Amino acid sequence: MPRMTRAESRQQTRERLLAAAAELFAERGVNGASVEQIAERAGYSRGAFYGNFTDKHELAVDLLKQRTLQELEEVTDRTSGEDPFGALREWHTARAEHLPGWLSLRMELILYALRSPEFRPLLAERERIARDAHTRGVETAFAGRDATPPAAPDFLALIVHALEDGLLVQRMLFPDEISDQVVVDAVELLMRGWLGSAAGGRPDDEDERAEPSSGA
């Protein structure tokens, strides 16, 4: 294999440190994971950590940005096909295997934002990216049917986005009662209802089936 360039080697180190931090944050919380523990989990020294990040706060910011853009890219790719809801169901099924770790990390980053005011605008930026993706999806769905949404698209998108966290918590607590696809089911139900109401028809009409937002 060709030898990595200095830039490639540095990028690999950063990615390993971010992956190690994600694991430790989920296990012990942001404040419970030290720089030394992150570096050790990644297989590097303390010096390697500070060669890539100023402090743990900067790493948390980069981790938040990385996971947000990665998730958005994955979902956007899947909703561009002929069966977007089917593709999203497959994605949620695959994510269910790692749901405890994923949800733990997300909750820890939210707690970190509550305890660290300087981190809140960055978490808000992450949430804005997801909400904007939902808004575009809602606008597209109504525009495609020449219908007027029952409320501002960004408000409908906020409802869809807020549902996800609550539903995933319930899914984790009641795995035998709630399916892996509960988020997709809820989004589909909401969109069909909103579109049916806007069109003056019944929510369960076949021609009122909604396309998912790209952030679903």
N, C-alpha and C. Protein backbone atom coordinates (compact mmCIF):
# COMPACT_ATOMS: atom_id res chain seq x y z
N MET A 1 0.84 -1.19 0.00
CA MET A 1 0.00 0.00 0.00
C MET A 1 0.88 1.25 0.00
N PRO A 2 0.44 2.30 -0.71
CA PRO A 2 1.24 3.51 -0.74
C PRO A 2 1.31 4.14 0.65
N ARG A 3 2.41 4.74 0.94
CA ARG A 3 2.60 5.36 2.25
C ARG A 3 1.70 6.59 2.37
N MET A 4 1.09 6.77 3.53
CA MET A 4 0.21 7.91 3.74
C MET A 4 1.00 9.21 3.77
N THR A 5 0.38 10.26 3.27
CA THR A 5 0.99 11.58 3.35
C THR A 5 0.84 12.07 4.79
N ARG A 6 1.51 13.15 5.09
CA ARG A 6 1.43 13.71 6.44
C ARG A 6 -0.01 14.14 6.75
N ALA A 7 -0.67 14.72 5.75
CA ALA A 7 -2.05 15.17 5.93
C ALA A 7 -2.97 13.98 6.18
N GLU A 8 -2.77 12.90 5.43
CA GLU A 8 -3.60 11.70 5.59
C GLU A 8 -3.38 11.07 6.96
N SER A 9 -2.13 11.03 7.40
CA SER A 9 -1.82 10.47 8.71
C SER A 9 -2.47 11.30 9.82
N ARG A 10 -2.43 12.61 9.67
CA ARG A 10 -3.03 13.49 10.67
C ARG A 10 -4.55 13.29 10.71
N GLN A 11 -5.15 13.14 9.53
CA GLN A 11 -6.59 12.95 9.46
C GLN A 11 -6.99 11.62 10.10
N GLN A 12 -6.19 10.60 9.89
CA GLN A 12 -6.46 9.30 10.50
C GLN A 12 -6.39 9.39 12.02
N THR A 13 -5.39 10.12 12.51
CA THR A 13 -5.26 10.30 13.96
C THR A 13 -6.48 11.01 14.53
N ARG A 14 -6.92 12.07 13.87
CA ARG A 14 -8.09 12.81 14.33
C ARG A 14 -9.33 11.92 14.36
N GLU A 15 -9.50 11.12 13.31
CA GLU A 15 -10.68 10.26 13.23
C GLU A 15 -10.68 9.21 14.34
N ARG A 16 -9.50 8.68 14.65
CA ARG A 16 -9.42 7.68 15.73
C ARG A 16 -9.68 8.33 17.09
N LEU A 17 -9.20 9.53 17.27
CA LEU A 17 -9.45 10.24 18.52
C LEU A 17 -10.93 10.56 18.67
N LEU A 18 -11.57 10.95 17.57
CA LEU A 18 -13.00 11.26 17.60
C LEU A 18 -13.81 10.00 17.90
N ALA A 19 -13.44 8.89 17.29
CA ALA A 19 -14.14 7.63 17.53
C ALA A 19 -13.99 7.19 18.98
N ALA A 20 -12.78 7.33 19.52
CA ALA A 20 -12.53 6.96 20.91
C ALA A 20 -13.32 7.85 21.85
N ALA A 21 -13.36 9.14 21.54
CA ALA A 21 -14.10 10.08 22.37
C ALA A 21 -15.59 9.75 22.35
N ALA A 22 -16.12 9.39 21.19
CA ALA A 22 -17.55 9.05 21.09
C ALA A 22 -17.87 7.88 22.00
N GLU A 23 -17.01 6.87 22.01
CA GLU A 23 -17.23 5.70 22.88
C GLU A 23 -17.19 6.09 24.36
N LEU A 24 -16.18 6.87 24.72
CA LEU A 24 -16.02 7.24 26.13
C LEU A 24 -17.09 8.21 26.60
N PHE A 25 -17.49 9.14 25.74
CA PHE A 25 -18.55 10.07 26.12
C PHE A 25 -19.84 9.31 26.38
N ALA A 26 -20.12 8.31 25.54
CA ALA A 26 -21.34 7.51 25.71
C ALA A 26 -21.26 6.68 27.00
N GLU A 27 -20.06 6.21 27.33
CA GLU A 27 -19.88 5.36 28.51
C GLU A 27 -19.82 6.16 29.81
N ARG A 28 -19.09 7.29 29.78
CA ARG A 28 -18.79 8.01 31.03
C ARG A 28 -19.25 9.46 31.05
N GLY A 29 -19.76 9.94 29.94
CA GLY A 29 -20.12 11.35 29.86
C GLY A 29 -18.93 12.18 29.41
N VAL A 30 -19.21 13.37 28.91
CA VAL A 30 -18.13 14.24 28.42
C VAL A 30 -17.19 14.62 29.57
N ASN A 31 -17.77 15.02 30.67
CA ASN A 31 -16.94 15.44 31.80
C ASN A 31 -16.26 14.26 32.49
N GLY A 32 -16.78 13.06 32.30
CA GLY A 32 -16.19 11.89 32.95
C GLY A 32 -15.07 11.25 32.16
N ALA A 33 -14.85 11.70 30.94
CA ALA A 33 -13.77 11.16 30.10
C ALA A 33 -12.63 12.16 30.03
N SER A 34 -11.44 11.73 30.39
CA SER A 34 -10.28 12.63 30.39
C SER A 34 -9.56 12.58 29.05
N VAL A 35 -8.73 13.57 28.82
CA VAL A 35 -7.91 13.62 27.61
C VAL A 35 -7.03 12.38 27.52
N GLU A 36 -6.45 12.00 28.65
CA GLU A 36 -5.58 10.84 28.68
C GLU A 36 -6.33 9.56 28.30
N GLN A 37 -7.55 9.43 28.80
CA GLN A 37 -8.34 8.24 28.50
C GLN A 37 -8.72 8.18 27.02
N ILE A 38 -9.03 9.32 26.45
CA ILE A 38 -9.37 9.38 25.03
C ILE A 38 -8.17 8.99 24.18
N ALA A 39 -7.03 9.55 24.51
CA ALA A 39 -5.81 9.24 23.75
C ALA A 39 -5.45 7.76 23.88
N GLU A 40 -5.56 7.24 25.09
CA GLU A 40 -5.22 5.82 25.31
C GLU A 40 -6.17 4.91 24.54
N ARG A 41 -7.48 5.23 24.57
CA ARG A 41 -8.46 4.40 23.86
C ARG A 41 -8.17 4.40 22.35
N ALA A 42 -7.69 5.53 21.84
CA ALA A 42 -7.39 5.64 20.42
C ALA A 42 -6.03 5.04 20.06
N GLY A 43 -5.22 4.74 21.08
CA GLY A 43 -3.90 4.16 20.83
C GLY A 43 -2.81 5.19 20.63
N TYR A 44 -3.03 6.39 21.20
CA TYR A 44 -2.04 7.46 21.03
C TYR A 44 -1.64 8.03 22.38
N SER A 45 -0.69 8.95 22.33
CA SER A 45 -0.22 9.61 23.55
C SER A 45 -1.01 10.90 23.78
N ARG A 46 -0.83 11.45 24.97
CA ARG A 46 -1.45 12.74 25.29
C ARG A 46 -1.00 13.81 24.30
N GLY A 47 0.28 13.72 23.89
CA GLY A 47 0.81 14.69 22.93
C GLY A 47 0.09 14.63 21.60
N ALA A 48 -0.30 13.43 21.16
CA ALA A 48 -1.02 13.28 19.90
C ALA A 48 -2.38 13.98 19.99
N PHE A 49 -3.00 13.90 21.16
CA PHE A 49 -4.28 14.57 21.34
C PHE A 49 -4.12 16.07 21.14
N TYR A 50 -3.15 16.66 21.88
CA TYR A 50 -2.98 18.10 21.80
C TYR A 50 -2.36 18.55 20.49
N GLY A 51 -1.86 17.60 19.71
CA GLY A 51 -1.38 17.94 18.38
C GLY A 51 -2.52 18.10 17.40
N ASN A 52 -3.72 17.67 17.81
CA ASN A 52 -4.89 17.74 16.93
C ASN A 52 -6.03 18.58 17.49
N PHE A 53 -6.11 18.67 18.80
CA PHE A 53 -7.20 19.44 19.41
C PHE A 53 -6.64 20.32 20.52
N THR A 54 -7.20 21.51 20.64
CA THR A 54 -6.76 22.42 21.69
C THR A 54 -7.13 21.88 23.07
N ASP A 55 -8.35 21.34 23.16
CA ASP A 55 -8.84 20.77 24.42
C ASP A 55 -10.01 19.85 24.13
N LYS A 56 -10.59 19.32 25.17
CA LYS A 56 -11.71 18.38 25.02
C LYS A 56 -12.93 19.07 24.44
N HIS A 57 -13.09 20.35 24.76
CA HIS A 57 -14.23 21.11 24.24
C HIS A 57 -14.17 21.18 22.71
N GLU A 58 -13.00 21.45 22.18
CA GLU A 58 -12.85 21.52 20.72
C GLU A 58 -13.15 20.16 20.09
N LEU A 59 -12.71 19.09 20.74
CA LEU A 59 -12.99 17.76 20.22
C LEU A 59 -14.50 17.49 20.23
N ALA A 60 -15.19 17.89 21.28
CA ALA A 60 -16.64 17.68 21.36
C ALA A 60 -17.35 18.42 20.24
N VAL A 61 -16.88 19.62 19.93
CA VAL A 61 -17.46 20.40 18.83
C VAL A 61 -17.27 19.67 17.50
N ASP A 62 -16.06 19.20 17.24
CA ASP A 62 -15.78 18.49 16.00
C ASP A 62 -16.57 17.19 15.90
N LEU A 63 -16.72 16.51 17.02
CA LEU A 63 -17.47 15.26 17.03
C LEU A 63 -18.93 15.52 16.70
N LEU A 64 -19.48 16.56 17.27
CA LEU A 64 -20.88 16.92 17.01
C LEU A 64 -21.08 17.23 15.53
N LYS A 65 -20.17 18.01 14.97
CA LYS A 65 -20.27 18.37 13.56
C LYS A 65 -20.12 17.14 12.66
N GLN A 66 -19.16 16.29 12.98
CA GLN A 66 -18.90 15.10 12.17
C GLN A 66 -20.12 14.18 12.14
N ARG A 67 -20.68 13.89 13.31
CA ARG A 67 -21.81 12.97 13.38
C ARG A 67 -23.05 13.56 12.71
N THR A 68 -23.25 14.86 12.83
CA THR A 68 -24.41 15.51 12.21
C THR A 68 -24.36 15.41 10.70
N LEU A 69 -23.23 15.79 10.11
CA LEU A 69 -23.09 15.77 8.66
C LEU A 69 -23.10 14.35 8.12
N GLN A 70 -22.51 13.41 8.86
CA GLN A 70 -22.49 12.02 8.42
C GLN A 70 -23.91 11.45 8.37
N GLU A 71 -24.69 11.72 9.41
CA GLU A 71 -26.06 11.22 9.46
C GLU A 71 -26.91 11.85 8.36
N LEU A 72 -26.74 13.15 8.16
CA LEU A 72 -27.52 13.85 7.14
C LEU A 72 -27.21 13.30 5.75
N GLU A 73 -25.94 13.04 5.49
CA GLU A 73 -25.53 12.50 4.19
C GLU A 73 -26.12 11.11 3.97
N GLU A 74 -26.08 10.28 5.01
CA GLU A 74 -26.61 8.92 4.89
C GLU A 74 -28.11 8.94 4.58
N VAL A 75 -28.84 9.77 5.30
CA VAL A 75 -30.29 9.82 5.12
C VAL A 75 -30.65 10.44 3.77
N THR A 76 -29.95 11.50 3.39
CA THR A 76 -30.23 12.16 2.11
C THR A 76 -30.02 11.20 0.95
N ASP A 77 -28.95 10.42 1.00
CA ASP A 77 -28.68 9.45 -0.05
C ASP A 77 -29.82 8.44 -0.18
N ARG A 78 -30.37 8.04 0.95
CA ARG A 78 -31.41 7.01 0.93
C ARG A 78 -32.76 7.54 0.48
N THR A 79 -33.04 8.81 0.68
CA THR A 79 -34.34 9.36 0.30
C THR A 79 -34.41 9.81 -1.14
N SER A 80 -33.34 9.61 -1.89
CA SER A 80 -33.32 10.05 -3.30
C SER A 80 -33.80 8.96 -4.26
N GLY A 81 -34.08 7.76 -3.74
CA GLY A 81 -34.50 6.66 -4.58
C GLY A 81 -36.01 6.62 -4.79
N GLU A 82 -36.50 5.52 -5.38
CA GLU A 82 -37.92 5.38 -5.69
C GLU A 82 -38.74 5.01 -4.46
N ASP A 83 -38.11 4.43 -3.46
CA ASP A 83 -38.83 4.01 -2.26
C ASP A 83 -38.14 4.60 -1.02
N PRO A 84 -38.29 5.92 -0.82
CA PRO A 84 -37.58 6.57 0.29
C PRO A 84 -37.98 6.06 1.66
N PHE A 85 -39.28 5.79 1.86
CA PHE A 85 -39.69 5.29 3.17
C PHE A 85 -39.12 3.90 3.44
N GLY A 86 -39.10 3.06 2.42
CA GLY A 86 -38.52 1.74 2.57
C GLY A 86 -37.05 1.81 2.91
N ALA A 87 -36.33 2.72 2.23
CA ALA A 87 -34.90 2.90 2.49
C ALA A 87 -34.66 3.41 3.90
N LEU A 88 -35.53 4.31 4.36
CA LEU A 88 -35.38 4.84 5.71
C LEU A 88 -35.66 3.77 6.76
N ARG A 89 -36.60 2.89 6.46
CA ARG A 89 -36.88 1.81 7.39
C ARG A 89 -35.65 0.91 7.54
N GLU A 90 -34.99 0.63 6.43
CA GLU A 90 -33.77 -0.18 6.48
C GLU A 90 -32.69 0.53 7.29
N TRP A 91 -32.58 1.85 7.11
CA TRP A 91 -31.56 2.63 7.83
C TRP A 91 -31.82 2.61 9.33
N HIS A 92 -33.07 2.79 9.72
CA HIS A 92 -33.41 2.78 11.14
C HIS A 92 -33.22 1.39 11.75
N THR A 93 -33.49 0.35 10.96
CA THR A 93 -33.27 -1.00 11.44
C THR A 93 -31.79 -1.25 11.72
N ALA A 94 -30.95 -0.78 10.79
CA ALA A 94 -29.50 -0.94 10.97
C ALA A 94 -29.01 -0.13 12.17
N ARG A 95 -29.56 1.08 12.35
CA ARG A 95 -29.12 1.92 13.47
C ARG A 95 -29.58 1.37 14.81
N ALA A 96 -30.68 0.60 14.81
CA ALA A 96 -31.22 0.06 16.07
C ALA A 96 -30.20 -0.78 16.81
N GLU A 97 -29.32 -1.43 16.06
CA GLU A 97 -28.30 -2.27 16.69
C GLU A 97 -27.37 -1.45 17.58
N HIS A 98 -27.17 -0.19 17.20
CA HIS A 98 -26.26 0.69 17.95
C HIS A 98 -27.02 1.80 18.68
N LEU A 99 -28.34 1.62 18.83
CA LEU A 99 -29.16 2.68 19.42
C LEU A 99 -28.71 3.11 20.82
N PRO A 100 -28.42 2.18 21.75
CA PRO A 100 -28.01 2.62 23.09
C PRO A 100 -26.79 3.54 23.06
N GLY A 101 -25.78 3.16 22.28
CA GLY A 101 -24.57 3.98 22.19
C GLY A 101 -24.84 5.30 21.52
N TRP A 102 -25.63 5.28 20.42
CA TRP A 102 -25.95 6.51 19.68
C TRP A 102 -26.75 7.46 20.55
N LEU A 103 -27.77 6.92 21.25
CA LEU A 103 -28.62 7.77 22.06
C LEU A 103 -27.88 8.28 23.30
N SER A 104 -27.02 7.44 23.85
CA SER A 104 -26.22 7.87 25.01
C SER A 104 -25.32 9.05 24.63
N LEU A 105 -24.68 8.94 23.47
CA LEU A 105 -23.81 10.02 23.03
C LEU A 105 -24.60 11.30 22.82
N ARG A 106 -25.75 11.19 22.17
CA ARG A 106 -26.58 12.38 21.92
C ARG A 106 -27.03 13.02 23.23
N MET A 107 -27.49 12.21 24.17
CA MET A 107 -27.94 12.75 25.45
C MET A 107 -26.79 13.40 26.23
N GLU A 108 -25.60 12.78 26.14
CA GLU A 108 -24.45 13.34 26.84
C GLU A 108 -24.06 14.69 26.27
N LEU A 109 -24.14 14.83 24.95
CA LEU A 109 -23.82 16.11 24.33
C LEU A 109 -24.85 17.17 24.70
N ILE A 110 -26.10 16.76 24.84
CA ILE A 110 -27.13 17.70 25.29
C ILE A 110 -26.86 18.12 26.73
N LEU A 111 -26.52 17.16 27.60
CA LEU A 111 -26.19 17.49 28.99
C LEU A 111 -24.98 18.40 29.07
N TYR A 112 -24.00 18.14 28.20
CA TYR A 112 -22.80 18.97 28.17
C TYR A 112 -23.16 20.41 27.79
N ALA A 113 -24.11 20.55 26.87
CA ALA A 113 -24.55 21.88 26.46
C ALA A 113 -25.27 22.59 27.60
N LEU A 114 -26.04 21.84 28.39
CA LEU A 114 -26.74 22.43 29.52
C LEU A 114 -25.76 22.92 30.58
N ARG A 115 -24.65 22.17 30.74
CA ARG A 115 -23.68 22.52 31.76
C ARG A 115 -22.62 23.50 31.26
N SER A 116 -22.50 23.62 29.96
CA SER A 116 -21.47 24.49 29.37
C SER A 116 -22.14 25.45 28.39
N PRO A 117 -22.53 26.63 28.85
CA PRO A 117 -23.25 27.59 28.01
C PRO A 117 -22.55 27.89 26.68
N GLU A 118 -21.22 27.85 26.67
CA GLU A 118 -20.50 28.17 25.44
C GLU A 118 -20.69 27.09 24.37
N PHE A 119 -21.15 25.92 24.77
CA PHE A 119 -21.36 24.82 23.83
C PHE A 119 -22.77 24.85 23.23
N ARG A 120 -23.68 25.57 23.87
CA ARG A 120 -25.07 25.55 23.44
C ARG A 120 -25.27 26.06 22.01
N PRO A 121 -24.64 27.17 21.61
CA PRO A 121 -24.84 27.63 20.23
C PRO A 121 -24.39 26.59 19.20
N LEU A 122 -23.38 25.79 19.54
CA LEU A 122 -22.88 24.79 18.62
C LEU A 122 -23.86 23.62 18.51
N LEU A 123 -24.47 23.25 19.64
CA LEU A 123 -25.49 22.21 19.60
C LEU A 123 -26.71 22.73 18.85
N ALA A 124 -27.03 23.99 19.05
CA ALA A 124 -28.16 24.60 18.34
C ALA A 124 -27.92 24.59 16.83
N GLU A 125 -26.67 24.81 16.45
CA GLU A 125 -26.33 24.77 15.02
C GLU A 125 -26.58 23.38 14.45
N ARG A 126 -26.23 22.36 15.22
CA ARG A 126 -26.47 20.98 14.80
C ARG A 126 -27.97 20.74 14.63
N GLU A 127 -28.75 21.20 15.60
CA GLU A 127 -30.19 21.02 15.54
C GLU A 127 -30.78 21.78 14.36
N ARG A 128 -30.23 22.95 14.07
CA ARG A 128 -30.71 23.75 12.94
C ARG A 128 -30.51 23.02 11.62
N ILE A 129 -29.38 22.34 11.48
CA ILE A 129 -29.11 21.59 10.24
C ILE A 129 -30.19 20.53 10.04
N ALA A 130 -30.51 19.80 11.10
CA ALA A 130 -31.52 18.75 11.01
C ALA A 130 -32.91 19.33 10.76
N ARG A 131 -33.24 20.41 11.45
CA ARG A 131 -34.56 21.02 11.26
C ARG A 131 -34.72 21.62 9.87
N ASP A 132 -33.66 22.20 9.35
CA ASP A 132 -33.73 22.76 7.99
C ASP A 132 -33.95 21.66 6.96
N ALA A 133 -33.34 20.49 7.21
CA ALA A 133 -33.53 19.36 6.30
C ALA A 133 -34.99 18.91 6.32
N HIS A 134 -35.57 18.85 7.51
CA HIS A 134 -36.99 18.51 7.62
C HIS A 134 -37.86 19.55 6.92
N THR A 135 -37.52 20.82 7.11
CA THR A 135 -38.31 21.89 6.50
C THR A 135 -38.33 21.77 4.98
N ARG A 136 -37.17 21.50 4.40
CA ARG A 136 -37.11 21.34 2.94
C ARG A 136 -37.98 20.16 2.49
N GLY A 137 -37.96 19.08 3.26
CA GLY A 137 -38.77 17.92 2.92
C GLY A 137 -40.26 18.23 2.99
N VAL A 138 -40.68 18.95 4.03
CA VAL A 138 -42.09 19.33 4.18
C VAL A 138 -42.51 20.24 3.03
N GLU A 139 -41.70 21.22 2.71
CA GLU A 139 -42.02 22.14 1.62
C GLU A 139 -42.14 21.41 0.29
N THR A 140 -41.22 20.47 0.06
CA THR A 140 -41.25 19.70 -1.18
C THR A 140 -42.51 18.85 -1.29
N ALA A 141 -42.89 18.23 -0.18
CA ALA A 141 -44.07 17.37 -0.18
C ALA A 141 -45.33 18.16 -0.52
N PHE A 142 -45.50 19.34 0.08
CA PHE A 142 -46.69 20.13 -0.19
C PHE A 142 -46.66 20.78 -1.57
N ALA A 143 -45.47 21.22 -1.98
CA ALA A 143 -45.35 21.83 -3.31
C ALA A 143 -45.65 20.81 -4.40
N GLY A 144 -45.24 19.56 -4.18
CA GLY A 144 -45.47 18.53 -5.18
C GLY A 144 -46.95 18.22 -5.37
N ARG A 145 -47.77 18.60 -4.40
CA ARG A 145 -49.22 18.36 -4.50
C ARG A 145 -49.99 19.67 -4.60
N ASP A 146 -49.25 20.76 -4.80
CA ASP A 146 -49.85 22.09 -4.93
C ASP A 146 -50.83 22.35 -3.78
N ALA A 147 -50.38 21.99 -2.58
CA ALA A 147 -51.22 22.13 -1.39
C ALA A 147 -50.60 23.12 -0.41
N THR A 148 -51.44 23.71 0.41
CA THR A 148 -50.99 24.67 1.41
C THR A 148 -50.87 23.96 2.75
N PRO A 149 -49.71 23.98 3.38
CA PRO A 149 -49.55 23.29 4.67
C PRO A 149 -50.43 23.91 5.74
N PRO A 150 -50.87 23.14 6.74
CA PRO A 150 -51.74 23.65 7.79
C PRO A 150 -51.05 24.62 8.76
N ALA A 151 -49.74 24.70 8.69
CA ALA A 151 -48.96 25.64 9.51
C ALA A 151 -47.65 25.90 8.77
N ALA A 152 -46.86 26.81 9.28
CA ALA A 152 -45.58 27.13 8.64
C ALA A 152 -44.73 25.86 8.53
N PRO A 153 -44.11 25.62 7.37
CA PRO A 153 -43.30 24.40 7.19
C PRO A 153 -42.23 24.21 8.26
N ASP A 154 -41.62 25.31 8.71
CA ASP A 154 -40.57 25.16 9.71
C ASP A 154 -41.14 24.71 11.06
N PHE A 155 -42.40 25.07 11.33
CA PHE A 155 -43.04 24.61 12.57
C PHE A 155 -43.39 23.13 12.46
N LEU A 156 -43.89 22.70 11.32
CA LEU A 156 -44.18 21.28 11.10
C LEU A 156 -42.89 20.47 11.20
N ALA A 157 -41.81 21.04 10.65
CA ALA A 157 -40.51 20.36 10.71
C ALA A 157 -40.03 20.25 12.15
N LEU A 158 -40.28 21.26 12.96
CA LEU A 158 -39.90 21.22 14.37
C LEU A 158 -40.62 20.08 15.09
N ILE A 159 -41.89 19.88 14.78
CA ILE A 159 -42.66 18.79 15.38
C ILE A 159 -42.05 17.44 15.01
N VAL A 160 -41.75 17.28 13.72
CA VAL A 160 -41.17 16.02 13.24
C VAL A 160 -39.83 15.76 13.91
N HIS A 161 -39.00 16.78 13.99
CA HIS A 161 -37.67 16.63 14.56
C HIS A 161 -37.73 16.30 16.05
N ALA A 162 -38.62 16.98 16.77
CA ALA A 162 -38.72 16.76 18.21
C ALA A 162 -39.24 15.37 18.54
N LEU A 163 -40.04 14.81 17.64
CA LEU A 163 -40.59 13.47 17.87
C LEU A 163 -39.49 12.41 17.96
N GLU A 164 -38.44 12.58 17.14
CA GLU A 164 -37.45 11.52 17.02
C GLU A 164 -36.82 11.16 18.36
N ASP A 165 -36.32 12.15 19.10
CA ASP A 165 -35.66 11.84 20.36
C ASP A 165 -36.58 11.09 21.32
N GLY A 166 -37.81 11.58 21.46
CA GLY A 166 -38.74 10.95 22.37
C GLY A 166 -39.08 9.53 21.95
N LEU A 167 -39.29 9.33 20.68
CA LEU A 167 -39.64 7.99 20.18
C LEU A 167 -38.47 7.02 20.34
N LEU A 168 -37.25 7.50 20.12
CA LEU A 168 -36.10 6.62 20.26
C LEU A 168 -35.84 6.23 21.72
N VAL A 169 -36.13 7.14 22.63
CA VAL A 169 -36.02 6.80 24.05
C VAL A 169 -37.02 5.69 24.38
N GLN A 170 -38.26 5.85 23.90
CA GLN A 170 -39.28 4.83 24.15
C GLN A 170 -38.90 3.49 23.49
N ARG A 171 -38.30 3.58 22.28
CA ARG A 171 -37.89 2.36 21.58
C ARG A 171 -36.82 1.61 22.39
N MET A 172 -35.90 2.35 22.99
CA MET A 172 -34.84 1.73 23.76
C MET A 172 -35.39 1.10 25.04
N LEU A 173 -36.37 1.74 25.66
CA LEU A 173 -36.92 1.24 26.92
C LEU A 173 -37.88 0.07 26.71
N PHE A 174 -38.55 0.06 25.55
CA PHE A 174 -39.54 -0.98 25.28
C PHE A 174 -39.26 -1.65 23.93
N PRO A 175 -38.11 -2.31 23.80
CA PRO A 175 -37.72 -2.90 22.51
C PRO A 175 -38.66 -3.99 22.01
N ASP A 176 -39.39 -4.65 22.92
CA ASP A 176 -40.30 -5.71 22.50
C ASP A 176 -41.67 -5.19 22.09
N GLU A 177 -41.92 -3.92 22.40
CA GLU A 177 -43.23 -3.34 22.10
C GLU A 177 -43.20 -2.34 20.96
N ILE A 178 -42.05 -1.71 20.76
CA ILE A 178 -41.94 -0.63 19.77
C ILE A 178 -40.94 -1.04 18.70
N SER A 179 -41.31 -0.87 17.44
CA SER A 179 -40.48 -1.34 16.33
C SER A 179 -39.30 -0.41 16.06
N ASP A 180 -38.32 -0.93 15.33
CA ASP A 180 -37.16 -0.14 14.94
C ASP A 180 -37.55 1.01 14.03
N GLN A 181 -38.66 0.85 13.33
CA GLN A 181 -39.09 1.85 12.35
C GLN A 181 -40.09 2.85 12.91
N VAL A 182 -40.18 2.97 14.23
CA VAL A 182 -41.21 3.82 14.83
C VAL A 182 -41.10 5.27 14.37
N VAL A 183 -39.89 5.78 14.17
CA VAL A 183 -39.73 7.17 13.74
C VAL A 183 -40.30 7.36 12.34
N VAL A 184 -39.98 6.43 11.43
CA VAL A 184 -40.49 6.53 10.07
C VAL A 184 -42.01 6.39 10.06
N ASP A 185 -42.54 5.46 10.85
CA ASP A 185 -43.99 5.28 10.93
C ASP A 185 -44.67 6.58 11.38
N ALA A 186 -44.10 7.23 12.39
CA ALA A 186 -44.69 8.46 12.92
C ALA A 186 -44.63 9.59 11.90
N VAL A 187 -43.49 9.72 11.22
CA VAL A 187 -43.35 10.79 10.22
C VAL A 187 -44.32 10.56 9.07
N GLU A 188 -44.43 9.32 8.62
CA GLU A 188 -45.35 9.00 7.52
C GLU A 188 -46.79 9.31 7.92
N LEU A 189 -47.16 8.93 9.13
CA LEU A 189 -48.52 9.18 9.60
C LEU A 189 -48.81 10.68 9.66
N LEU A 190 -47.88 11.44 10.21
CA LEU A 190 -48.07 12.89 10.31
C LEU A 190 -48.21 13.53 8.93
N MET A 191 -47.29 13.18 8.03
CA MET A 191 -47.30 13.79 6.70
C MET A 191 -48.56 13.43 5.93
N ARG A 192 -49.02 12.20 6.04
CA ARG A 192 -50.23 11.80 5.35
C ARG A 192 -51.43 12.57 5.91
N GLY A 193 -51.45 12.75 7.23
CA GLY A 193 -52.54 13.51 7.84
C GLY A 193 -52.53 14.97 7.42
N TRP A 194 -51.36 15.58 7.45
CA TRP A 194 -51.25 16.99 7.06
C TRP A 194 -51.60 17.20 5.59
N LEU A 195 -51.11 16.32 4.74
CA LEU A 195 -51.40 16.43 3.32
C LEU A 195 -52.87 16.17 3.02
N GLY A 196 -53.45 15.19 3.71
CA GLY A 196 -54.86 14.91 3.52
C GLY A 196 -55.72 16.07 3.95
N SER A 197 -55.36 16.70 5.06
CA SER A 197 -56.10 17.84 5.56
C SER A 197 -55.99 19.02 4.59
N ALA A 198 -54.79 19.25 4.08
CA ALA A 198 -54.57 20.36 3.16
C ALA A 198 -55.32 20.18 1.85
N ALA A 199 -55.46 18.90 1.43
CA ALA A 199 -56.13 18.61 0.16
C ALA A 199 -57.64 18.45 0.33
N GLY A 200 -58.11 18.48 1.59
CA GLY A 200 -59.52 18.32 1.84
C GLY A 200 -59.99 16.89 1.71
N GLY A 201 -59.03 15.95 1.74
CA GLY A 201 -59.37 14.54 1.59
C GLY A 201 -59.12 13.79 2.87
N ARG A 202 -59.14 12.47 2.78
CA ARG A 202 -58.90 11.65 3.95
C ARG A 202 -57.41 11.38 4.10
N PRO A 203 -56.87 11.38 5.32
CA PRO A 203 -55.44 11.15 5.54
C PRO A 203 -54.94 9.83 4.99
N ASP A 204 -55.86 8.83 4.86
CA ASP A 204 -55.38 7.53 4.44
C ASP A 204 -55.56 7.28 2.94
N ASP A 205 -55.94 8.32 2.18
CA ASP A 205 -56.04 8.16 0.73
C ASP A 205 -54.69 7.81 0.15
N GLU A 206 -54.67 6.90 -0.82
CA GLU A 206 -53.40 6.45 -1.39
C GLU A 206 -52.65 7.58 -2.05
N ASP A 207 -53.39 8.53 -2.67
CA ASP A 207 -52.68 9.60 -3.38
C ASP A 207 -52.16 10.67 -2.45
N GLU A 208 -52.39 10.49 -1.15
CA GLU A 208 -51.89 11.47 -0.19
C GLU A 208 -50.68 10.95 0.57
N ARG A 209 -50.10 9.85 0.12
CA ARG A 209 -48.92 9.32 0.80
C ARG A 209 -47.79 10.32 0.69
N ALA A 210 -47.12 10.55 1.79
CA ALA A 210 -46.10 11.59 1.83
C ALA A 210 -44.72 11.07 1.50
N GLU A 211 -43.93 11.94 0.94
CA GLU A 211 -42.51 11.67 0.82
C GLU A 211 -41.85 12.11 2.10
N PRO A 212 -40.88 11.35 2.63
CA PRO A 212 -40.22 11.74 3.88
C PRO A 212 -39.32 12.94 3.66
N SER A 213 -39.16 13.76 4.71
CA SER A 213 -38.18 14.83 4.62
C SER A 213 -36.79 14.20 4.61
N SER A 214 -35.82 14.93 4.05
CA SER A 214 -34.48 14.38 3.94
C SER A 214 -33.81 14.22 5.29
N GLY A 215 -34.42 14.78 6.35
CA GLY A 215 -33.83 14.61 7.67
C GLY A 215 -34.58 13.61 8.52
N ALA A 216 -35.51 12.90 7.91
CA ALA A 216 -36.38 12.00 8.69
C ALA A 216 -35.56 10.94 9.40
